[in-house]
Amino acid sequence: MQQQPTHPDQDGDLGLCLPSAPLLTTWSLLANGTARIRLAGELDLATISALDEAVAHCLTRRPPALDIDVAALSFCDVIGIHAFLRARHAAIAARAVFCLSRPRDQLVRTIVAARASELLAPDLDG
């Protein structure tokens, strides 16, 4: 079965567009009350809603901190960086400390290139 092209590439040609790998999100409350979300897979336009939903769900519990563990994240584009920024703003609005923990080097480079370095250090003003 051949997949149908869905959007033009850089040259304007329709190319094969493969679906994103799924994003696995799990969350837990730690003994100190911190809400931890673990991400595994790819974070992009097709998968950001899972992160947005997990953040909203965790913040309804009013944790003192929101920790997003990205050690198992295999891909993140600028859309994913914007999702992390939304999560950070939501955590700050809920008076929770925000932390993006265990980012791989490639994610750190993407965050820095997107000029979103505030994601790399815990927000102690939460």
PDB file of N, CA and C in Angstrom:
ATOM      1  N   MET A   1       0.843  -1.179   0.000  1.00  0.00           N
ATOM      2  CA  MET A   1       0.000   0.000   0.000  1.00  0.00           C
ATOM      3  C   MET A   1       0.884   1.237   0.000  1.00  0.00           C
ATOM      4  N   GLN A   2       0.665   2.114  -0.928  1.00  0.00           N
ATOM      5  CA  GLN A   2       1.475   3.318  -1.050  1.00  0.00           C
ATOM      6  C   GLN A   2       0.780   4.471  -0.341  1.00  0.00           C
ATOM      7  N   GLN A   3       1.559   5.246   0.427  1.00  0.00           N
ATOM      8  CA  GLN A   3       0.996   6.407   1.102  1.00  0.00           C
ATOM      9  C   GLN A   3       0.896   7.561   0.123  1.00  0.00           C
ATOM     10  N   GLN A   4      -0.128   8.368   0.294  1.00  0.00           N
ATOM     11  CA  GLN A   4      -0.341   9.519  -0.563  1.00  0.00           C
ATOM     12  C   GLN A   4       0.451  10.710  -0.050  1.00  0.00           C
ATOM     13  N   PRO A   5       1.049  11.493  -0.943  1.00  0.00           N
ATOM     14  CA  PRO A   5       1.737  12.713  -0.509  1.00  0.00           C
ATOM     15  C   PRO A   5       0.739  13.677   0.116  1.00  0.00           C
ATOM     16  N   THR A   6       1.189  14.384   1.136  1.00  0.00           N
ATOM     17  CA  THR A   6       0.272  15.283   1.837  1.00  0.00           C
ATOM     18  C   THR A   6       0.676  16.748   1.800  1.00  0.00           C
ATOM     19  N   HIS A   7       1.928  17.055   1.590  1.00  0.00           N
ATOM     20  CA  HIS A   7       2.340  18.457   1.557  1.00  0.00           C
ATOM     21  C   HIS A   7       3.614  18.602   0.745  1.00  0.00           C
ATOM     22  N   PRO A   8       3.861  19.785   0.203  1.00  0.00           N
ATOM     23  CA  PRO A   8       5.067  19.967  -0.607  1.00  0.00           C
ATOM     24  C   PRO A   8       6.321  20.006   0.247  1.00  0.00           C
ATOM     25  N   ASP A   9       7.432  19.526  -0.324  1.00  0.00           N
ATOM     26  CA  ASP A   9       8.703  19.640   0.374  1.00  0.00           C
ATOM     27  C   ASP A   9       9.326  20.997   0.050  1.00  0.00           C
ATOM     28  N   GLN A  10      10.603  21.182   0.355  1.00  0.00           N
ATOM     29  CA  GLN A  10      11.256  22.480   0.161  1.00  0.00           C
ATOM     30  C   GLN A  10      11.233  22.932  -1.299  1.00  0.00           C
ATOM     31  N   ASP A  11      11.266  21.992  -2.226  1.00  0.00           N
ATOM     32  CA  ASP A  11      11.274  22.341  -3.648  1.00  0.00           C
ATOM     33  C   ASP A  11       9.869  22.504  -4.216  1.00  0.00           C
ATOM     34  N   GLY A  12       8.844  22.312  -3.391  1.00  0.00           N
ATOM     35  CA  GLY A  12       7.478  22.429  -3.862  1.00  0.00           C
ATOM     36  C   GLY A  12       6.914  21.132  -4.409  1.00  0.00           C
ATOM     37  N   ASP A  13       7.732  20.062  -4.420  1.00  0.00           N
ATOM     38  CA  ASP A  13       7.252  18.776  -4.900  1.00  0.00           C
ATOM     39  C   ASP A  13       6.517  18.051  -3.792  1.00  0.00           C
ATOM     40  N   LEU A  14       5.476  17.331  -4.172  1.00  0.00           N
ATOM     41  CA  LEU A  14       4.807  16.509  -3.184  1.00  0.00           C
ATOM     42  C   LEU A  14       5.662  15.285  -2.921  1.00  0.00           C
ATOM     43  N   GLY A  15       5.934  15.020  -1.678  1.00  0.00           N
ATOM     44  CA  GLY A  15       6.775  13.884  -1.316  1.00  0.00           C
ATOM     45  C   GLY A  15       6.015  12.961  -0.388  1.00  0.00           C
ATOM     46  N   LEU A  16       6.625  11.889  -0.039  1.00  0.00           N
ATOM     47  CA  LEU A  16       6.023  10.941   0.867  1.00  0.00           C
ATOM     48  C   LEU A  16       6.107  11.503   2.281  1.00  0.00           C
ATOM     49  N   CYS A  17       4.989  11.597   2.938  1.00  0.00           N
ATOM     50  CA  CYS A  17       4.943  12.128   4.301  1.00  0.00           C
ATOM     51  C   CYS A  17       4.624  10.974   5.235  1.00  0.00           C
ATOM     52  N   LEU A  18       5.597  10.587   6.035  1.00  0.00           N
ATOM     53  CA  LEU A  18       5.393   9.489   6.962  1.00  0.00           C
ATOM     54  C   LEU A  18       4.830  10.003   8.267  1.00  0.00           C
ATOM     55  N   PRO A  19       3.967   9.234   8.903  1.00  0.00           N
ATOM     56  CA  PRO A  19       3.401   9.680  10.178  1.00  0.00           C
ATOM     57  C   PRO A  19       4.469   9.723  11.264  1.00  0.00           C
ATOM     58  N   SER A  20       4.251  10.581  12.245  1.00  0.00           N
ATOM     59  CA  SER A  20       5.168  10.672  13.376  1.00  0.00           C
ATOM     60  C   SER A  20       5.100   9.401  14.199  1.00  0.00           C
ATOM     61  N   ALA A  21       6.212   9.102  14.848  1.00  0.00           N
ATOM     62  CA  ALA A  21       6.204   8.021  15.826  1.00  0.00           C
ATOM     63  C   ALA A  21       5.344   8.486  16.991  1.00  0.00           C
ATOM     64  N   PRO A  22       4.679   7.576  17.650  1.00  0.00           N
ATOM     65  CA  PRO A  22       3.825   7.999  18.754  1.00  0.00           C
ATOM     66  C   PRO A  22       4.644   8.589  19.909  1.00  0.00           C
ATOM     67  N   LEU A  23       4.002   9.439  20.660  1.00  0.00           N
ATOM     68  CA  LEU A  23       4.603  10.011  21.861  1.00  0.00           C
ATOM     69  C   LEU A  23       3.955   9.329  23.055  1.00  0.00           C
ATOM     70  N   LEU A  24       4.766   8.707  23.870  1.00  0.00           N
ATOM     71  CA  LEU A  24       4.270   8.070  25.079  1.00  0.00           C
ATOM     72  C   LEU A  24       4.429   9.053  26.225  1.00  0.00           C
ATOM     73  N   THR A  25       3.335   9.334  26.906  1.00  0.00           N
ATOM     74  CA  THR A  25       3.398  10.200  28.078  1.00  0.00           C
ATOM     75  C   THR A  25       2.909   9.418  29.284  1.00  0.00           C
ATOM     76  N   THR A  26       3.668   9.459  30.337  1.00  0.00           N
ATOM     77  CA  THR A  26       3.235   8.893  31.606  1.00  0.00           C
ATOM     78  C   THR A  26       3.461   9.959  32.669  1.00  0.00           C
ATOM     79  N   TRP A  27       2.646   9.954  33.679  1.00  0.00           N
ATOM     80  CA  TRP A  27       2.835  10.939  34.734  1.00  0.00           C
ATOM     81  C   TRP A  27       2.662  10.269  36.081  1.00  0.00           C
ATOM     82  N   SER A  28       3.273  10.876  37.082  1.00  0.00           N
ATOM     83  CA  SER A  28       3.156  10.375  38.445  1.00  0.00           C
ATOM     84  C   SER A  28       3.361  11.529  39.414  1.00  0.00           C
ATOM     85  N   LEU A  29       2.886  11.337  40.615  1.00  0.00           N
ATOM     86  CA  LEU A  29       3.149  12.286  41.693  1.00  0.00           C
ATOM     87  C   LEU A  29       4.215  11.684  42.585  1.00  0.00           C
ATOM     88  N   LEU A  30       5.288  12.420  42.791  1.00  0.00           N
ATOM     89  CA  LEU A  30       6.376  11.946  43.634  1.00  0.00           C
ATOM     90  C   LEU A  30       6.036  12.170  45.103  1.00  0.00           C
ATOM     91  N   ALA A  31       6.810  11.583  45.982  1.00  0.00           N
ATOM     92  CA  ALA A  31       6.556  11.701  47.420  1.00  0.00           C
ATOM     93  C   ALA A  31       6.547  13.153  47.889  1.00  0.00           C
ATOM     94  N   ASN A  32       7.348  14.008  47.262  1.00  0.00           N
ATOM     95  CA  ASN A  32       7.393  15.417  47.665  1.00  0.00           C
ATOM     96  C   ASN A  32       6.285  16.247  47.007  1.00  0.00           C
ATOM     97  N   GLY A  33       5.385  15.602  46.267  1.00  0.00           N
ATOM     98  CA  GLY A  33       4.268  16.303  45.635  1.00  0.00           C
ATOM     99  C   GLY A  33       4.531  16.754  44.206  1.00  0.00           C
ATOM    100  N   THR A  34       5.774  16.663  43.755  1.00  0.00           N
ATOM    101  CA  THR A  34       6.108  17.052  42.384  1.00  0.00           C
ATOM    102  C   THR A  34       5.363  16.177  41.384  1.00  0.00           C
ATOM    103  N   ALA A  35       4.810  16.808  40.371  1.00  0.00           N
ATOM    104  CA  ALA A  35       4.191  16.069  39.269  1.00  0.00           C
ATOM    105  C   ALA A  35       5.265  15.838  38.216  1.00  0.00           C
ATOM    106  N   ARG A  36       5.488  14.579  37.863  1.00  0.00           N
ATOM    107  CA  ARG A  36       6.496  14.258  36.858  1.00  0.00           C
ATOM    108  C   ARG A  36       5.808  13.664  35.634  1.00  0.00           C
ATOM    109  N   ILE A  37       6.132  14.246  34.481  1.00  0.00           N
ATOM    110  CA  ILE A  37       5.660  13.722  33.197  1.00  0.00           C
ATOM    111  C   ILE A  37       6.878  13.165  32.479  1.00  0.00           C
ATOM    112  N   ARG A  38       6.794  11.920  32.059  1.00  0.00           N
ATOM    113  CA  ARG A  38       7.881  11.305  31.288  1.00  0.00           C
ATOM    114  C   ARG A  38       7.448  11.199  29.839  1.00  0.00           C
ATOM    115  N   LEU A  39       8.302  11.668  28.940  1.00  0.00           N
ATOM    116  CA  LEU A  39       8.018  11.616  27.507  1.00  0.00           C
ATOM    117  C   LEU A  39       8.951  10.629  26.829  1.00  0.00           C
ATOM    118  N   ALA A  40       8.407   9.857  25.907  1.00  0.00           N
ATOM    119  CA  ALA A  40       9.211   8.931  25.105  1.00  0.00           C
ATOM    120  C   ALA A  40       8.665   8.952  23.687  1.00  0.00           C
ATOM    121  N   GLY A  41       9.550   9.057  22.711  1.00  0.00           N
ATOM    122  CA  GLY A  41       9.129   9.096  21.315  1.00  0.00           C
ATOM    123  C   GLY A  41       9.423  10.448  20.703  1.00  0.00           C
ATOM    124  N   GLU A  42       8.525  10.882  19.822  1.00  0.00           N
ATOM    125  CA  GLU A  42       8.730  12.126  19.076  1.00  0.00           C
ATOM    126  C   GLU A  42       7.703  13.175  19.486  1.00  0.00           C
ATOM    127  N   LEU A  43       8.197  14.395  19.714  1.00  0.00           N
ATOM    128  CA  LEU A  43       7.330  15.517  20.048  1.00  0.00           C
ATOM    129  C   LEU A  43       7.332  16.483  18.876  1.00  0.00           C
ATOM    130  N   ASP A  44       6.203  16.549  18.183  1.00  0.00           N
ATOM    131  CA  ASP A  44       6.053  17.432  17.027  1.00  0.00           C
ATOM    132  C   ASP A  44       4.582  17.810  16.906  1.00  0.00           C
ATOM    133  N   LEU A  45       4.209  18.428  15.807  1.00  0.00           N
ATOM    134  CA  LEU A  45       2.838  18.901  15.626  1.00  0.00           C
ATOM    135  C   LEU A  45       1.815  17.794  15.812  1.00  0.00           C
ATOM    136  N   ALA A  46       2.136  16.607  15.369  1.00  0.00           N
ATOM    137  CA  ALA A  46       1.186  15.501  15.445  1.00  0.00           C
ATOM    138  C   ALA A  46       1.017  14.949  16.855  1.00  0.00           C
ATOM    139  N   THR A  47       1.945  15.256  17.766  1.00  0.00           N
ATOM    140  CA  THR A  47       1.910  14.622  19.085  1.00  0.00           C
ATOM    141  C   THR A  47       1.838  15.590  20.266  1.00  0.00           C
ATOM    142  N   ILE A  48       1.895  16.902  20.018  1.00  0.00           N
ATOM    143  CA  ILE A  48       1.960  17.842  21.148  1.00  0.00           C
ATOM    144  C   ILE A  48       0.709  17.838  22.009  1.00  0.00           C
ATOM    145  N   SER A  49      -0.424  17.445  21.453  1.00  0.00           N
ATOM    146  CA  SER A  49      -1.655  17.462  22.257  1.00  0.00           C
ATOM    147  C   SER A  49      -1.529  16.525  23.460  1.00  0.00           C
ATOM    148  N   ALA A  50      -0.789  15.428  23.329  1.00  0.00           N
ATOM    149  CA  ALA A  50      -0.598  14.515  24.464  1.00  0.00           C
ATOM    150  C   ALA A  50       0.147  15.210  25.598  1.00  0.00           C
ATOM    151  N   LEU A  51       1.154  16.013  25.255  1.00  0.00           N
ATOM    152  CA  LEU A  51       1.883  16.765  26.283  1.00  0.00           C
ATOM    153  C   LEU A  51       0.987  17.827  26.896  1.00  0.00           C
ATOM    154  N   ASP A  52       0.273  18.578  26.063  1.00  0.00           N
ATOM    155  CA  ASP A  52      -0.614  19.629  26.578  1.00  0.00           C
ATOM    156  C   ASP A  52      -1.639  19.052  27.554  1.00  0.00           C
ATOM    157  N   GLU A  53      -2.211  17.902  27.205  1.00  0.00           N
ATOM    158  CA  GLU A  53      -3.208  17.261  28.074  1.00  0.00           C
ATOM    159  C   GLU A  53      -2.592  16.782  29.379  1.00  0.00           C
ATOM    160  N   ALA A  54      -1.404  16.198  29.317  1.00  0.00           N
ATOM    161  CA  ALA A  54      -0.736  15.724  30.533  1.00  0.00           C
ATOM    162  C   ALA A  54      -0.396  16.884  31.462  1.00  0.00           C
ATOM    163  N   VAL A  55       0.076  17.985  30.902  1.00  0.00           N
ATOM    164  CA  VAL A  55       0.398  19.165  31.714  1.00  0.00           C
ATOM    165  C   VAL A  55      -0.863  19.690  32.390  1.00  0.00           C
ATOM    166  N   ALA A  56      -1.924  19.851  31.628  1.00  0.00           N
ATOM    167  CA  ALA A  56      -3.184  20.361  32.199  1.00  0.00           C
ATOM    168  C   ALA A  56      -3.678  19.442  33.320  1.00  0.00           C
ATOM    169  N   HIS A  57      -3.623  18.140  33.085  1.00  0.00           N
ATOM    170  CA  HIS A  57      -4.083  17.185  34.094  1.00  0.00           C
ATOM    171  C   HIS A  57      -3.245  17.281  35.369  1.00  0.00           C
ATOM    172  N   CYS A  58      -1.926  17.306  35.213  1.00  0.00           N
ATOM    173  CA  CYS A  58      -1.041  17.363  36.380  1.00  0.00           C
ATOM    174  C   CYS A  58      -1.222  18.651  37.173  1.00  0.00           C
ATOM    175  N   LEU A  59      -1.392  19.764  36.484  1.00  0.00           N
ATOM    176  CA  LEU A  59      -1.509  21.045  37.193  1.00  0.00           C
ATOM    177  C   LEU A  59      -2.834  21.192  37.924  1.00  0.00           C
ATOM    178  N   THR A  60      -3.854  20.413  37.574  1.00  0.00           N
ATOM    179  CA  THR A  60      -5.112  20.462  38.330  1.00  0.00           C
ATOM    180  C   THR A  60      -4.910  19.930  39.744  1.00  0.00           C
ATOM    181  N   ARG A  61      -3.851  19.176  39.952  1.00  0.00           N
ATOM    182  CA  ARG A  61      -3.543  18.616  41.280  1.00  0.00           C
ATOM    183  C   ARG A  61      -2.768  19.599  42.155  1.00  0.00           C
ATOM    184  N   ARG A  62      -2.454  20.771  41.602  1.00  0.00           N
ATOM    185  CA  ARG A  62      -1.732  21.835  42.312  1.00  0.00           C
ATOM    186  C   ARG A  62      -0.411  21.372  42.920  1.00  0.00           C
ATOM    187  N   PRO A  63       0.459  20.779  42.108  1.00  0.00           N
ATOM    188  CA  PRO A  63       1.754  20.338  42.648  1.00  0.00           C
ATOM    189  C   PRO A  63       2.663  21.532  42.907  1.00  0.00           C
ATOM    190  N   PRO A  64       3.626  21.382  43.817  1.00  0.00           N
ATOM    191  CA  PRO A  64       4.579  22.469  44.035  1.00  0.00           C
ATOM    192  C   PRO A  64       5.566  22.591  42.873  1.00  0.00           C
ATOM    193  N   ALA A  65       5.703  21.518  42.085  1.00  0.00           N
ATOM    194  CA  ALA A  65       6.636  21.533  40.957  1.00  0.00           C
ATOM    195  C   ALA A  65       6.121  20.622  39.848  1.00  0.00           C
ATOM    196  N   LEU A  66       6.474  20.991  38.612  1.00  0.00           N
ATOM    197  CA  LEU A  66       6.174  20.185  37.434  1.00  0.00           C
ATOM    198  C   LEU A  66       7.495  19.849  36.769  1.00  0.00           C
ATOM    199  N   ASP A  67       7.807  18.563  36.728  1.00  0.00           N
ATOM    200  CA  ASP A  67       9.061  18.089  36.139  1.00  0.00           C
ATOM    201  C   ASP A  67       8.712  17.293  34.882  1.00  0.00           C
ATOM    202  N   ILE A  68       9.234  17.723  33.733  1.00  0.00           N
ATOM    203  CA  ILE A  68       9.035  16.990  32.488  1.00  0.00           C
ATOM    204  C   ILE A  68      10.350  16.303  32.149  1.00  0.00           C
ATOM    205  N   ASP A  69      10.349  14.989  32.259  1.00  0.00           N
ATOM    206  CA  ASP A  69      11.533  14.172  32.018  1.00  0.00           C
ATOM    207  C   ASP A  69      11.580  13.823  30.534  1.00  0.00           C
ATOM    208  N   VAL A  70      12.610  14.303  29.841  1.00  0.00           N
ATOM    209  CA  VAL A  70      12.707  14.135  28.388  1.00  0.00           C
ATOM    210  C   VAL A  70      13.859  13.203  27.979  1.00  0.00           C
ATOM    211  N   ALA A  71      14.371  12.404  28.909  1.00  0.00           N
ATOM    212  CA  ALA A  71      15.506  11.529  28.608  1.00  0.00           C
ATOM    213  C   ALA A  71      15.207  10.556  27.469  1.00  0.00           C
ATOM    214  N   ALA A  72      13.963  10.117  27.337  1.00  0.00           N
ATOM    215  CA  ALA A  72      13.603   9.141  26.307  1.00  0.00           C
ATOM    216  C   ALA A  72      12.968   9.788  25.073  1.00  0.00           C
ATOM    217  N   LEU A  73      13.032  11.106  24.995  1.00  0.00           N
ATOM    218  CA  LEU A  73      12.494  11.809  23.826  1.00  0.00           C
ATOM    219  C   LEU A  73      13.489  11.657  22.678  1.00  0.00           C
ATOM    220  N   SER A  74      13.040  11.081  21.571  1.00  0.00           N
ATOM    221  CA  SER A  74      13.958  10.825  20.453  1.00  0.00           C
ATOM    222  C   SER A  74      13.987  11.953  19.434  1.00  0.00           C
ATOM    223  N   PHE A  75      12.966  12.813  19.414  1.00  0.00           N
ATOM    224  CA  PHE A  75      12.906  13.910  18.460  1.00  0.00           C
ATOM    225  C   PHE A  75      12.038  15.011  19.031  1.00  0.00           C
ATOM    226  N   CYS A  76      12.446  16.248  18.805  1.00  0.00           N
ATOM    227  CA  CYS A  76      11.644  17.405  19.205  1.00  0.00           C
ATOM    228  C   CYS A  76      11.954  18.534  18.237  1.00  0.00           C
ATOM    229  N   ASP A  77      10.924  19.063  17.591  1.00  0.00           N
ATOM    230  CA  ASP A  77      11.121  20.197  16.692  1.00  0.00           C
ATOM    231  C   ASP A  77      10.693  21.481  17.398  1.00  0.00           C
ATOM    232  N   VAL A  78      10.694  22.581  16.677  1.00  0.00           N
ATOM    233  CA  VAL A  78      10.373  23.879  17.284  1.00  0.00           C
ATOM    234  C   VAL A  78       8.941  23.913  17.809  1.00  0.00           C
ATOM    235  N   ILE A  79       8.039  23.147  17.209  1.00  0.00           N
ATOM    236  CA  ILE A  79       6.669  23.055  17.728  1.00  0.00           C
ATOM    237  C   ILE A  79       6.687  22.444  19.132  1.00  0.00           C
ATOM    238  N   GLY A  80       7.539  21.447  19.327  1.00  0.00           N
ATOM    239  CA  GLY A  80       7.693  20.847  20.653  1.00  0.00           C
ATOM    240  C   GLY A  80       8.287  21.820  21.652  1.00  0.00           C
ATOM    241  N   ILE A  81       9.240  22.632  21.206  1.00  0.00           N
ATOM    242  CA  ILE A  81       9.826  23.655  22.085  1.00  0.00           C
ATOM    243  C   ILE A  81       8.736  24.623  22.536  1.00  0.00           C
ATOM    244  N   HIS A  82       7.877  25.025  21.620  1.00  0.00           N
ATOM    245  CA  HIS A  82       6.764  25.917  21.988  1.00  0.00           C
ATOM    246  C   HIS A  82       5.829  25.240  22.984  1.00  0.00           C
ATOM    247  N   ALA A  83       5.625  23.936  22.851  1.00  0.00           N
ATOM    248  CA  ALA A  83       4.796  23.205  23.819  1.00  0.00           C
ATOM    249  C   ALA A  83       5.448  23.229  25.202  1.00  0.00           C
ATOM    250  N   PHE A  84       6.776  23.086  25.257  1.00  0.00           N
ATOM    251  CA  PHE A  84       7.479  23.183  26.543  1.00  0.00           C
ATOM    252  C   PHE A  84       7.336  24.585  27.131  1.00  0.00           C
ATOM    253  N   LEU A  85       7.423  25.608  26.289  1.00  0.00           N
ATOM    254  CA  LEU A  85       7.244  26.985  26.779  1.00  0.00           C
ATOM    255  C   LEU A  85       5.837  27.188  27.328  1.00  0.00           C
ATOM    256  N   ARG A  86       4.824  26.641  26.659  1.00  0.00           N
ATOM    257  CA  ARG A  86       3.445  26.723  27.174  1.00  0.00           C
ATOM    258  C   ARG A  86       3.338  26.018  28.522  1.00  0.00           C
ATOM    259  N   ALA A  87       3.975  24.862  28.634  1.00  0.00           N
ATOM    260  CA  ALA A  87       3.958  24.119  29.891  1.00  0.00           C
ATOM    261  C   ALA A  87       4.618  24.926  31.004  1.00  0.00           C
ATOM    262  N   ARG A  88       5.730  25.561  30.679  1.00  0.00           N
ATOM    263  CA  ARG A  88       6.424  26.393  31.660  1.00  0.00           C
ATOM    264  C   ARG A  88       5.541  27.545  32.119  1.00  0.00           C
ATOM    265  N   HIS A  89       4.892  28.224  31.170  1.00  0.00           N
ATOM    266  CA  HIS A  89       4.011  29.345  31.533  1.00  0.00           C
ATOM    267  C   HIS A  89       2.828  28.867  32.368  1.00  0.00           C
ATOM    268  N   ALA A  90       2.275  27.713  32.031  1.00  0.00           N
ATOM    269  CA  ALA A  90       1.158  27.163  32.809  1.00  0.00           C
ATOM    270  C   ALA A  90       1.604  26.815  34.225  1.00  0.00           C
ATOM    271  N   ALA A  91       2.801  26.247  34.357  1.00  0.00           N
ATOM    272  CA  ALA A  91       3.323  25.911  35.685  1.00  0.00           C
ATOM    273  C   ALA A  91       3.536  27.171  36.513  1.00  0.00           C
ATOM    274  N   ILE A  92       4.126  28.181  35.917  1.00  0.00           N
ATOM    275  CA  ILE A  92       4.351  29.439  36.643  1.00  0.00           C
ATOM    276  C   ILE A  92       3.020  30.048  37.067  1.00  0.00           C
ATOM    277  N   ALA A  93       2.027  30.023  36.174  1.00  0.00           N
ATOM    278  CA  ALA A  93       0.699  30.563  36.517  1.00  0.00           C
ATOM    279  C   ALA A  93       0.069  29.784  37.659  1.00  0.00           C
ATOM    280  N   ALA A  94       0.398  28.489  37.758  1.00  0.00           N
ATOM    281  CA  ALA A  94      -0.136  27.655  38.839  1.00  0.00           C
ATOM    282  C   ALA A  94       0.757  27.688  40.076  1.00  0.00           C
ATOM    283  N   ARG A  95       1.753  28.574  40.060  1.00  0.00           N
ATOM    284  CA  ARG A  95       2.702  28.730  41.164  1.00  0.00           C
ATOM    285  C   ARG A  95       3.487  27.445  41.448  1.00  0.00           C
ATOM    286  N   ALA A  96       3.837  26.759  40.373  1.00  0.00           N
ATOM    287  CA  ALA A  96       4.654  25.551  40.478  1.00  0.00           C
ATOM    288  C   ALA A  96       6.008  25.807  39.824  1.00  0.00           C
ATOM    289  N   VAL A  97       7.046  25.243  40.392  1.00  0.00           N
ATOM    290  CA  VAL A  97       8.375  25.301  39.794  1.00  0.00           C
ATOM    291  C   VAL A  97       8.354  24.418  38.562  1.00  0.00           C
ATOM    292  N   PHE A  98       8.925  24.892  37.460  1.00  0.00           N
ATOM    293  CA  PHE A  98       8.985  24.126  36.218  1.00  0.00           C
ATOM    294  C   PHE A  98      10.395  23.617  36.003  1.00  0.00           C
ATOM    295  N   CYS A  99      10.514  22.355  35.613  1.00  0.00           N
ATOM    296  CA  CYS A  99      11.833  21.785  35.310  1.00  0.00           C
ATOM    297  C   CYS A  99      11.717  20.845  34.117  1.00  0.00           C
ATOM    298  N   LEU A 100      12.574  21.036  33.148  1.00  0.00           N
ATOM    299  CA  LEU A 100      12.717  20.124  32.016  1.00  0.00           C
ATOM    300  C   LEU A 100      13.961  19.297  32.333  1.00  0.00           C
ATOM    301  N   SER A 101      13.774  18.046  32.714  1.00  0.00           N
ATOM    302  CA  SER A 101      14.913  17.276  33.219  1.00  0.00           C
ATOM    303  C   SER A 101      15.454  16.262  32.225  1.00  0.00           C
ATOM    304  N   ARG A 102      16.734  16.058  32.323  1.00  0.00           N
ATOM    305  CA  ARG A 102      17.519  15.083  31.567  1.00  0.00           C
ATOM    306  C   ARG A 102      17.435  15.233  30.049  1.00  0.00           C
ATOM    307  N   PRO A 103      17.548  16.481  29.531  1.00  0.00           N
ATOM    308  CA  PRO A 103      17.532  16.635  28.071  1.00  0.00           C
ATOM    309  C   PRO A 103      18.821  16.103  27.446  1.00  0.00           C
ATOM    310  N   ARG A 104      18.690  15.456  26.310  1.00  0.00           N
ATOM    311  CA  ARG A 104      19.851  15.003  25.542  1.00  0.00           C
ATOM    312  C   ARG A 104      20.492  16.212  24.857  1.00  0.00           C
ATOM    313  N   ASP A 105      21.728  16.025  24.417  1.00  0.00           N
ATOM    314  CA  ASP A 105      22.479  17.123  23.796  1.00  0.00           C
ATOM    315  C   ASP A 105      21.744  17.732  22.599  1.00  0.00           C
ATOM    316  N   GLN A 106      21.158  16.898  21.749  1.00  0.00           N
ATOM    317  CA  GLN A 106      20.454  17.408  20.570  1.00  0.00           C
ATOM    318  C   GLN A 106      19.286  18.310  20.978  1.00  0.00           C
ATOM    319  N   LEU A 107      18.548  17.930  22.014  1.00  0.00           N
ATOM    320  CA  LEU A 107      17.443  18.759  22.483  1.00  0.00           C
ATOM    321  C   LEU A 107      17.966  20.072  23.056  1.00  0.00           C
ATOM    322  N   VAL A 108      19.065  20.013  23.792  1.00  0.00           N
ATOM    323  CA  VAL A 108      19.654  21.242  24.333  1.00  0.00           C
ATOM    324  C   VAL A 108      20.035  22.186  23.191  1.00  0.00           C
ATOM    325  N   ARG A 109      20.641  21.643  22.134  1.00  0.00           N
ATOM    326  CA  ARG A 109      21.015  22.479  20.990  1.00  0.00           C
ATOM    327  C   ARG A 109      19.779  23.088  20.319  1.00  0.00           C
ATOM    328  N   THR A 110      18.714  22.320  20.206  1.00  0.00           N
ATOM    329  CA  THR A 110      17.472  22.826  19.600  1.00  0.00           C
ATOM    330  C   THR A 110      16.875  23.929  20.461  1.00  0.00           C
ATOM    331  N   ILE A 111      16.878  23.741  21.764  1.00  0.00           N
ATOM    332  CA  ILE A 111      16.353  24.754  22.686  1.00  0.00           C
ATOM    333  C   ILE A 111      17.167  26.044  22.588  1.00  0.00           C
ATOM    334  N   VAL A 112      18.473  25.923  22.571  1.00  0.00           N
ATOM    335  CA  VAL A 112      19.342  27.100  22.474  1.00  0.00           C
ATOM    336  C   VAL A 112      19.136  27.802  21.131  1.00  0.00           C
ATOM    337  N   ALA A 113      19.055  27.036  20.049  1.00  0.00           N
ATOM    338  CA  ALA A 113      18.839  27.620  18.721  1.00  0.00           C
ATOM    339  C   ALA A 113      17.496  28.338  18.637  1.00  0.00           C
ATOM    340  N   ALA A 114      16.511  27.835  19.367  1.00  0.00           N
ATOM    341  CA  ALA A 114      15.182  28.460  19.384  1.00  0.00           C
ATOM    342  C   ALA A 114      15.116  29.637  20.367  1.00  0.00           C
ATOM    343  N   ARG A 115      16.249  29.938  20.996  1.00  0.00           N
ATOM    344  CA  ARG A 115      16.332  31.033  21.978  1.00  0.00           C
ATOM    345  C   ARG A 115      15.329  30.851  23.116  1.00  0.00           C
ATOM    346  N   ALA A 116      15.281  29.619  23.620  1.00  0.00           N
ATOM    347  CA  ALA A 116      14.366  29.269  24.704  1.00  0.00           C
ATOM    348  C   ALA A 116      15.145  28.680  25.877  1.00  0.00           C
ATOM    349  N   SER A 117      16.312  29.236  26.146  1.00  0.00           N
ATOM    350  CA  SER A 117      17.193  28.716  27.186  1.00  0.00           C
ATOM    351  C   SER A 117      16.566  28.710  28.583  1.00  0.00           C
ATOM    352  N   GLU A 118      15.526  29.487  28.764  1.00  0.00           N
ATOM    353  CA  GLU A 118      14.851  29.490  30.074  1.00  0.00           C
ATOM    354  C   GLU A 118      14.279  28.108  30.404  1.00  0.00           C
ATOM    355  N   LEU A 119      14.145  27.244  29.405  1.00  0.00           N
ATOM    356  CA  LEU A 119      13.665  25.893  29.649  1.00  0.00           C
ATOM    357  C   LEU A 119      14.710  25.006  30.310  1.00  0.00           C
ATOM    358  N   LEU A 120      15.979  25.413  30.275  1.00  0.00           N
ATOM    359  CA  LEU A 120      17.065  24.538  30.713  1.00  0.00           C
ATOM    360  C   LEU A 120      17.392  24.646  32.191  1.00  0.00           C
ATOM    361  N   ALA A 121      16.857  25.601  32.876  1.00  0.00           N
ATOM    362  CA  ALA A 121      17.114  25.737  34.310  1.00  0.00           C
ATOM    363  C   ALA A 121      15.778  25.799  35.040  1.00  0.00           C
ATOM    364  N   PRO A 122      15.713  25.175  36.224  1.00  0.00           N
ATOM    365  CA  PRO A 122      14.459  25.245  36.978  1.00  0.00           C
ATOM    366  C   PRO A 122      14.066  26.695  37.252  1.00  0.00           C
ATOM    367  N   ASP A 123      12.777  26.957  37.176  1.00  0.00           N
ATOM    368  CA  ASP A 123      12.255  28.288  37.476  1.00  0.00           C
ATOM    369  C   ASP A 123      11.942  28.340  38.964  1.00  0.00           C
ATOM    370  N   LEU A 124      12.819  28.948  39.709  1.00  0.00           N
ATOM    371  CA  LEU A 124      12.654  28.978  41.155  1.00  0.00           C
ATOM    372  C   LEU A 124      11.689  30.041  41.631  1.00  0.00           C
ATOM    373  N   ASP A 125      11.132  30.820  40.692  1.00  0.00           N
ATOM    374  CA  ASP A 125      10.150  31.834  41.064  1.00  0.00           C
ATOM    375  C   ASP A 125       8.730  31.304  41.044  1.00  0.00           C
ATOM    376  N   GLY A 126       8.556  30.000  40.720  1.00  0.00           N
ATOM    377  CA  GLY A 126       7.240  29.396  40.552  1.00  0.00           C
ATOM    378  C   GLY A 126       6.361  29.484  41.745  1.00  0.00           C
TER     379      GLY A 126
END
